[in-house]
Amino acid sequence: HTFPEAIQEENVDYHHLKWFWLPNPVHYSRAFIDISPETYNEREGPYYNDIFITEKICKPLLARRPFITSANPGLYAELKRLGFKTFDKWWDESFAEECNIKIHFEKIMRVIRQLDSMSLQECNNMWEEMQEVLDHNQTLYLYYANMSPRLWITEIKKARAKKLI
């Protein structure tokens, strides 16, 4: 079972507030991979440089699922800076830093088609190979969620030191 005991529950309404922030075990138990767009998915304009990590990426981390996330360039680099591992061993993640939105989506679709063309046995083999990465990501996520110094406090201290606030 891949879910922390604290969120295991049967037949829960997905729209229940808890499942807005946490991965619904019923839904994720049937998912091999989480494919989602992050809130900020810009290539130009005022928000193109913002890294905004939300529940959309946190759910697969907690649920021990691989992910493909369409987000502003830099999100994957930030996840790695925080210590998370991504899935570049199994598929091309060059979409993550692609600045041309059309090419960005073409690269994501190429990866999705590659995964879709795999046999059940190939998926099972990939899943087995990923276990160490999935365990690592879940453990690190739980550390940040429960035991680490609050990141926002650290960021406020940095902003004060730079006299931004």
Protein backbone atom coordinates (compact mmCIF):
# COMPACT_ATOMS: atom_id res chain seq x y z
CA HIS A 1 0.00 0.00 0.00
CA THR A 2 1.56 3.30 -1.02
CA PHE A 3 -0.39 5.79 1.09
CA PRO A 4 0.49 6.98 4.59
CA GLU A 5 -1.87 5.37 7.08
CA ALA A 6 -3.26 8.75 8.15
CA ILE A 7 -5.01 9.30 4.80
CA GLN A 8 -6.31 5.81 4.09
CA GLU A 9 -10.06 5.82 3.79
CA GLU A 10 -12.66 4.00 1.71
CA ASN A 11 -15.41 5.54 -0.44
CA VAL A 12 -14.71 9.19 0.27
CA ASP A 13 -16.30 11.97 -1.74
CA TYR A 14 -13.50 13.46 -3.85
CA HIS A 15 -14.83 16.96 -3.35
CA HIS A 16 -14.56 16.61 0.41
CA LEU A 17 -12.22 19.38 1.56
CA LYS A 18 -9.53 16.91 2.68
CA TRP A 19 -9.09 15.64 -0.89
CA PHE A 20 -8.48 19.13 -2.19
CA TRP A 21 -5.10 19.12 -0.42
CA LEU A 22 -4.37 15.42 -0.13
CA PRO A 23 -4.28 12.69 -2.76
CA ASN A 24 -7.48 10.67 -2.67
CA PRO A 25 -6.29 7.06 -2.18
CA VAL A 26 -9.23 5.67 -4.16
CA HIS A 27 -8.28 7.74 -7.21
CA TYR A 28 -4.51 7.43 -6.91
CA SER A 29 -4.65 3.66 -6.37
CA ARG A 30 -5.70 3.40 -10.04
CA ALA A 31 -3.14 5.90 -11.36
CA PHE A 32 0.28 4.97 -12.68
CA ILE A 33 1.34 8.57 -13.29
CA ASP A 34 0.06 12.04 -12.43
CA ILE A 35 -0.04 14.44 -15.38
CA SER A 36 -1.09 17.95 -14.45
CA PRO A 37 -0.52 21.62 -15.18
CA GLU A 38 0.72 23.79 -12.33
CA THR A 39 -1.03 27.06 -11.56
CA TYR A 40 1.70 29.10 -13.24
CA ASN A 41 2.43 27.78 -16.70
CA GLU A 42 3.75 30.87 -18.42
CA ARG A 43 6.46 31.49 -21.00
CA GLU A 44 6.16 35.28 -21.03
CA GLY A 45 4.42 38.01 -19.10
CA PRO A 46 4.60 39.05 -15.47
CA TYR A 47 4.52 35.55 -13.97
CA TYR A 48 6.79 33.58 -16.32
CA ASN A 49 9.63 33.59 -13.82
CA ASP A 50 7.58 32.59 -10.76
CA ILE A 51 7.92 29.15 -9.24
CA PHE A 52 4.67 28.26 -7.51
CA ILE A 53 4.55 24.80 -5.93
CA THR A 54 0.99 23.77 -5.12
CA GLU A 55 -1.03 20.69 -4.24
CA LYS A 56 -0.89 19.71 -7.91
CA ILE A 57 2.73 18.57 -7.52
CA CYS A 58 2.49 17.70 -3.82
CA LYS A 59 -0.23 15.07 -4.36
CA PRO A 60 1.88 12.72 -6.51
CA LEU A 61 4.86 13.23 -4.17
CA LEU A 62 2.78 12.14 -1.18
CA ALA A 63 0.97 9.39 -3.12
CA ARG A 64 4.26 7.91 -4.38
CA ARG A 65 3.44 8.47 -8.04
CA PRO A 66 5.64 9.61 -10.89
CA PHE A 67 4.58 12.92 -12.38
CA ILE A 68 4.71 15.04 -15.49
CA THR A 69 3.95 18.64 -14.67
CA SER A 70 3.54 21.50 -17.08
CA ALA A 71 4.74 24.58 -15.24
CA ASN A 72 6.90 27.65 -15.56
CA PRO A 73 10.47 26.85 -16.58
CA GLY A 74 12.44 26.29 -13.40
CA LEU A 75 9.91 24.22 -11.43
CA TYR A 76 11.76 20.95 -11.95
CA ALA A 77 15.08 22.64 -11.08
CA GLU A 78 13.51 23.99 -7.88
CA LEU A 79 12.16 20.56 -6.95
CA LYS A 80 15.66 19.14 -7.42
CA ARG A 81 17.16 22.00 -5.39
CA LEU A 82 14.79 21.04 -2.58
CA GLY A 83 16.07 17.45 -2.85
CA PHE A 84 13.26 15.79 -4.80
CA LYS A 85 14.01 13.41 -7.64
CA THR A 86 12.28 13.52 -10.99
CA PHE A 87 11.92 10.88 -13.67
CA ASP A 88 14.52 11.81 -16.29
CA LYS A 89 15.91 8.28 -16.00
CA TRP A 90 12.67 6.99 -17.55
CA TRP A 91 11.62 9.75 -19.98
CA ASP A 92 12.79 12.98 -21.52
CA GLU A 93 12.08 15.93 -19.20
CA SER A 94 13.45 18.62 -21.50
CA PHE A 95 9.89 19.98 -21.69
CA ALA A 96 10.38 21.35 -18.17
CA GLU A 97 12.78 24.09 -19.27
CA GLU A 98 11.39 24.67 -22.77
CA CYS A 99 10.52 28.37 -23.18
CA ASN A 100 8.50 28.01 -26.39
CA ILE A 101 5.00 27.00 -25.26
CA LYS A 102 4.21 25.12 -28.45
CA ILE A 103 7.41 23.06 -28.26
CA HIS A 104 6.84 22.61 -24.51
CA PHE A 105 3.48 20.93 -25.12
CA GLU A 106 4.78 18.92 -28.08
CA LYS A 107 7.52 17.49 -25.86
CA ILE A 108 5.03 16.62 -23.12
CA MET A 109 2.76 14.91 -25.65
CA ARG A 110 5.73 12.94 -27.00
CA VAL A 111 6.40 11.60 -23.49
CA ILE A 112 2.72 10.78 -22.93
CA ARG A 113 2.57 8.91 -26.25
CA GLN A 114 5.74 7.01 -25.33
CA LEU A 115 4.21 5.96 -22.00
CA ASP A 116 0.89 5.12 -23.63
CA SER A 117 2.60 2.80 -26.11
CA MET A 118 4.23 0.72 -23.38
CA SER A 119 3.02 -2.77 -22.60
CA LEU A 120 1.68 -3.67 -19.18
CA GLN A 121 4.90 -5.59 -18.50
CA GLU A 122 7.02 -2.56 -19.44
CA CYS A 123 4.92 -0.39 -17.12
CA ASN A 124 5.31 -2.91 -14.31
CA ASN A 125 9.08 -3.02 -14.84
CA MET A 126 9.30 0.77 -14.85
CA TRP A 127 7.18 0.94 -11.69
CA GLU A 128 9.51 -1.49 -9.92
CA GLU A 129 12.57 0.51 -11.01
CA MET A 130 11.01 3.73 -9.65
CA GLN A 131 10.35 2.53 -6.12
CA GLU A 132 13.48 4.05 -4.60
CA VAL A 133 12.72 7.46 -6.17
CA LEU A 134 9.05 7.30 -5.14
CA ASP A 135 9.99 6.38 -1.56
CA HIS A 136 12.58 9.15 -1.44
CA ASN A 137 10.11 11.78 -2.69
CA GLN A 138 7.39 10.76 -0.24
CA THR A 139 9.82 10.74 2.70
CA LEU A 140 11.19 14.16 1.76
CA TYR A 141 7.69 15.56 1.26
CA LEU A 142 6.67 14.34 4.73
CA TYR A 143 9.83 15.88 6.18
CA TYR A 144 9.01 19.26 4.65
CA ALA A 145 5.35 18.97 5.66
CA ASN A 146 5.96 17.93 9.26
CA MET A 147 9.49 18.36 10.53
CA SER A 148 11.45 20.95 8.60
CA PRO A 149 11.76 24.58 9.55
CA ARG A 150 8.96 26.32 7.73
CA LEU A 151 10.28 27.35 4.33
CA TRP A 152 8.24 30.53 4.25
CA ILE A 153 9.96 31.73 7.43
CA THR A 154 13.33 31.15 5.80
CA GLU A 155 12.20 33.05 2.70
CA ILE A 156 10.98 35.99 4.81
CA LYS A 157 14.37 36.12 6.56
CA LYS A 158 16.12 36.13 3.17
CA ALA A 159 13.85 38.91 1.90
CA ARG A 160 14.54 40.99 5.02
CA ALA A 161 18.29 40.45 4.63
CA LYS A 162 18.03 41.72 1.06
CA LYS A 163 15.90 44.65 2.32
CA LEU A 164 13.00 43.56 0.12
CA ILE A 165 10.63 43.88 3.08
